[in-house]
C-alpha atoms as a PDB file:
ATOM      1  CA  MET A   1     -30.706  22.781   8.143  1.00  0.00           C
ATOM      2  CA  SER A   2     -28.888  23.292  11.443  1.00  0.00           C
ATOM      3  CA  THR A   3     -25.414  24.671  11.601  1.00  0.00           C
ATOM      4  CA  VAL A   4     -22.853  23.758  14.213  1.00  0.00           C
ATOM      5  CA  LYS A   5     -22.700  26.551  16.754  1.00  0.00           C
ATOM      6  CA  ASN A   6     -20.514  25.132  19.466  1.00  0.00           C
ATOM      7  CA  TRP A   7     -18.469  22.226  20.700  1.00  0.00           C
ATOM      8  CA  THR A   8     -18.955  20.694  24.116  1.00  0.00           C
ATOM      9  CA  ASP A   9     -16.515  18.605  26.128  1.00  0.00           C
ATOM     10  CA  ILE A  10     -17.666  14.987  26.405  1.00  0.00           C
ATOM     11  CA  CYS A  11     -14.779  13.183  28.060  1.00  0.00           C
ATOM     12  CA  ASN A  12     -11.014  13.072  28.357  1.00  0.00           C
ATOM     13  CA  LEU A  13      -8.992  11.490  25.570  1.00  0.00           C
ATOM     14  CA  GLY A  14      -7.776   8.849  28.044  1.00  0.00           C
ATOM     15  CA  ASP A  15     -11.377   7.679  28.527  1.00  0.00           C
ATOM     16  CA  LEU A  16     -11.446   6.276  24.972  1.00  0.00           C
ATOM     17  CA  VAL A  17     -10.186   2.801  24.123  1.00  0.00           C
ATOM     18  CA  ASP A  18      -8.481   2.057  20.802  1.00  0.00           C
ATOM     19  CA  ASN A  19     -10.785   0.342  18.288  1.00  0.00           C
ATOM     20  CA  SER A  20     -13.727   0.361  20.643  1.00  0.00           C
ATOM     21  CA  GLY A  21     -16.612   2.548  21.734  1.00  0.00           C
ATOM     22  CA  VAL A  22     -17.748   4.351  24.853  1.00  0.00           C
ATOM     23  CA  CYS A  23     -21.124   5.864  25.624  1.00  0.00           C
ATOM     24  CA  ALA A  24     -21.928   9.399  26.810  1.00  0.00           C
ATOM     25  CA  LEU A  25     -25.234  11.046  27.659  1.00  0.00           C
ATOM     26  CA  VAL A  26     -25.526  14.350  25.776  1.00  0.00           C
ATOM     27  CA  ASN A  27     -28.641  16.503  26.149  1.00  0.00           C
ATOM     28  CA  GLY A  28     -30.666  13.423  27.057  1.00  0.00           C
ATOM     29  CA  GLU A  29     -29.419  11.308  24.132  1.00  0.00           C
ATOM     30  CA  GLN A  30     -26.933   8.461  24.349  1.00  0.00           C
ATOM     31  CA  VAL A  31     -24.001   8.960  21.966  1.00  0.00           C
ATOM     32  CA  ALA A  32     -21.503   6.237  21.033  1.00  0.00           C
ATOM     33  CA  ILE A  33     -17.968   7.603  20.594  1.00  0.00           C
ATOM     34  CA  PHE A  34     -15.317   5.559  18.819  1.00  0.00           C
ATOM     35  CA  LYS A  35     -11.534   5.875  18.588  1.00  0.00           C
ATOM     36  CA  ILE A  36     -10.315   3.934  15.558  1.00  0.00           C
ATOM     37  CA  LYS A  37      -6.626   3.319  14.918  1.00  0.00           C
ATOM     38  CA  GLN A  38      -5.740   2.309  11.370  1.00  0.00           C
ATOM     39  CA  ARG A  39      -2.127   2.011  10.427  1.00  0.00           C
ATOM     40  CA  ASP A  40      -0.508   5.228  11.729  1.00  0.00           C
ATOM     41  CA  GLU A  41      -3.740   7.262  11.830  1.00  0.00           C
ATOM     42  CA  THR A  42      -6.362   7.742  14.529  1.00  0.00           C
ATOM     43  CA  TYR A  43      -9.966   8.596  13.656  1.00  0.00           C
ATOM     44  CA  TYR A  44     -12.794   9.650  15.932  1.00  0.00           C
ATOM     45  CA  TYR A  45     -16.481   9.046  15.249  1.00  0.00           C
ATOM     46  CA  ALA A  46     -19.678   9.764  17.157  1.00  0.00           C
ATOM     47  CA  ILE A  47     -23.070   8.263  16.342  1.00  0.00           C
ATOM     48  CA  SER A  48     -26.332   7.711  18.161  1.00  0.00           C
ATOM     49  CA  ASN A  49     -26.064   4.757  20.508  1.00  0.00           C
ATOM     50  CA  TRP A  50     -29.651   3.717  19.598  1.00  0.00           C
ATOM     51  CA  ASP A  51     -29.884   0.632  17.396  1.00  0.00           C
ATOM     52  CA  PRO A  52     -33.066   1.273  15.351  1.00  0.00           C
ATOM     53  CA  ILE A  53     -33.491  -2.409  14.503  1.00  0.00           C
ATOM     54  CA  GLY A  54     -32.686  -3.915  17.906  1.00  0.00           C
ATOM     55  CA  LYS A  55     -34.510  -1.031  19.611  1.00  0.00           C
ATOM     56  CA  ALA A  56     -31.884  -0.627  22.347  1.00  0.00           C
ATOM     57  CA  ASN A  57     -28.950   1.639  23.232  1.00  0.00           C
ATOM     58  CA  VAL A  58     -26.142  -0.808  22.429  1.00  0.00           C
ATOM     59  CA  LEU A  59     -24.069   0.379  19.459  1.00  0.00           C
ATOM     60  CA  TYR A  60     -21.079   1.451  21.561  1.00  0.00           C
ATOM     61  CA  ARG A  61     -20.688  -2.255  22.418  1.00  0.00           C
ATOM     62  CA  GLY A  62     -20.578  -3.322  18.775  1.00  0.00           C
ATOM     63  CA  LEU A  63     -17.657  -4.826  16.916  1.00  0.00           C
ATOM     64  CA  ILE A  64     -15.578  -2.559  14.686  1.00  0.00           C
ATOM     65  CA  GLY A  65     -14.970  -3.647  11.103  1.00  0.00           C
ATOM     66  CA  SER A  66     -14.738  -2.420   7.559  1.00  0.00           C
ATOM     67  CA  VAL A  67     -16.701  -2.967   4.389  1.00  0.00           C
ATOM     68  CA  ALA A  68     -14.918  -1.795   1.250  1.00  0.00           C
ATOM     69  CA  ASP A  69     -13.580   1.605   2.322  1.00  0.00           C
ATOM     70  CA  LYS A  70     -16.133   2.198   5.110  1.00  0.00           C
ATOM     71  CA  THR A  71     -15.409   1.788   8.806  1.00  0.00           C
ATOM     72  CA  VAL A  72     -18.446   0.229  10.480  1.00  0.00           C
ATOM     73  CA  VAL A  73     -19.781  -0.789  13.838  1.00  0.00           C
ATOM     74  CA  ILE A  74     -21.648  -4.091  13.892  1.00  0.00           C
ATOM     75  CA  SER A  75     -24.639  -4.110  16.211  1.00  0.00           C
ATOM     76  CA  PRO A  76     -24.271  -6.635  19.024  1.00  0.00           C
ATOM     77  CA  LEU A  77     -27.954  -7.546  18.719  1.00  0.00           C
ATOM     78  CA  PHE A  78     -28.818  -8.480  15.134  1.00  0.00           C
ATOM     79  CA  LYS A  79     -25.439  -7.783  13.474  1.00  0.00           C
ATOM     80  CA  GLN A  80     -26.444  -4.917  11.157  1.00  0.00           C
ATOM     81  CA  ARG A  81     -23.486  -2.823  10.033  1.00  0.00           C
ATOM     82  CA  TYR A  82     -23.610   0.961  10.473  1.00  0.00           C
ATOM     83  CA  CYS A  83     -21.105   3.238   8.721  1.00  0.00           C
ATOM     84  CA  LEU A  84     -19.403   5.368  11.365  1.00  0.00           C
ATOM     85  CA  ALA A  85     -18.876   8.287   8.962  1.00  0.00           C
ATOM     86  CA  SER A  86     -22.386   8.533   7.493  1.00  0.00           C
ATOM     87  CA  GLY A  87     -24.643   6.580   9.878  1.00  0.00           C
ATOM     88  CA  GLU A  88     -26.112   4.528   7.039  1.00  0.00           C
ATOM     89  CA  CYS A  89     -27.100   0.937   7.700  1.00  0.00           C
ATOM     90  CA  LEU A  90     -25.345  -1.202   5.091  1.00  0.00           C
ATOM     91  CA  ASP A  91     -27.856  -4.018   5.583  1.00  0.00           C
ATOM     92  CA  ASP A  92     -31.082  -2.002   5.402  1.00  0.00           C
ATOM     93  CA  GLU A  93     -30.974   1.172   3.309  1.00  0.00           C
ATOM     94  CA  GLN A  94     -34.120   2.473   5.014  1.00  0.00           C
ATOM     95  CA  ARG A  95     -32.348   2.650   8.389  1.00  0.00           C
ATOM     96  CA  GLN A  96     -29.616   4.908   9.680  1.00  0.00           C
ATOM     97  CA  VAL A  97     -28.327   6.440  12.891  1.00  0.00           C
ATOM     98  CA  ASN A  98     -27.515  10.055  13.711  1.00  0.00           C
ATOM     99  CA  VAL A  99     -23.921  11.170  13.212  1.00  0.00           C
ATOM    100  CA  PHE A 100     -22.254  13.857  15.316  1.00  0.00           C
ATOM    101  CA  GLY A 101     -19.156  15.912  14.644  1.00  0.00           C
ATOM    102  CA  VAL A 102     -16.370  14.921  17.011  1.00  0.00           C
ATOM    103  CA  ARG A 103     -12.875  16.319  17.547  1.00  0.00           C
ATOM    104  CA  VAL A 104     -10.034  16.273  20.027  1.00  0.00           C
ATOM    105  CA  GLU A 105      -8.782  19.546  21.482  1.00  0.00           C
ATOM    106  CA  GLY A 106      -5.835  19.053  23.794  1.00  0.00           C
ATOM    107  CA  ASN A 107      -6.893  16.273  26.145  1.00  0.00           C
ATOM    108  CA  LYS A 108     -10.640  16.789  25.635  1.00  0.00           C
ATOM    109  CA  VAL A 109     -12.965  14.920  23.275  1.00  0.00           C
ATOM    110  CA  GLN A 110     -15.601  17.341  22.029  1.00  0.00           C
ATOM    111  CA  LEU A 111     -18.938  16.851  20.304  1.00  0.00           C
ATOM    112  CA  ALA A 112     -20.508  19.319  17.876  1.00  0.00           C
ATOM    113  CA  LEU A 113     -23.902  20.551  18.930  1.00  0.00           C
ATOM    114  CA  ALA A 114     -26.261  22.091  16.397  1.00  0.00           C
ATOM    115  CA  SER A 115     -28.673  24.812  17.332  1.00  0.00           C
END
């Protein structure tokens, strides 16, 4: 099991859009980063941008929603729902996407990199 060794700057906080995703290329992999505002709280999530069912890098363009207590992104291709916290596909338990640690330090959005 990998442990998080460092955090790397991905973008500025101002680059994120409320309740939407942006895409960043990190070590050759596309990562979808989401800023979710719910009530008076703001949450940040980072998952692989690769849709394993649609076989394309499109998840940052998905719709944001919720199922029970889970915040999800809905793939723009075939509408599968992926939990932003765990990466699990709620419509196909055999599928999931990678999840990355994400935080905001000052004005920088940072991604956790495992080594």
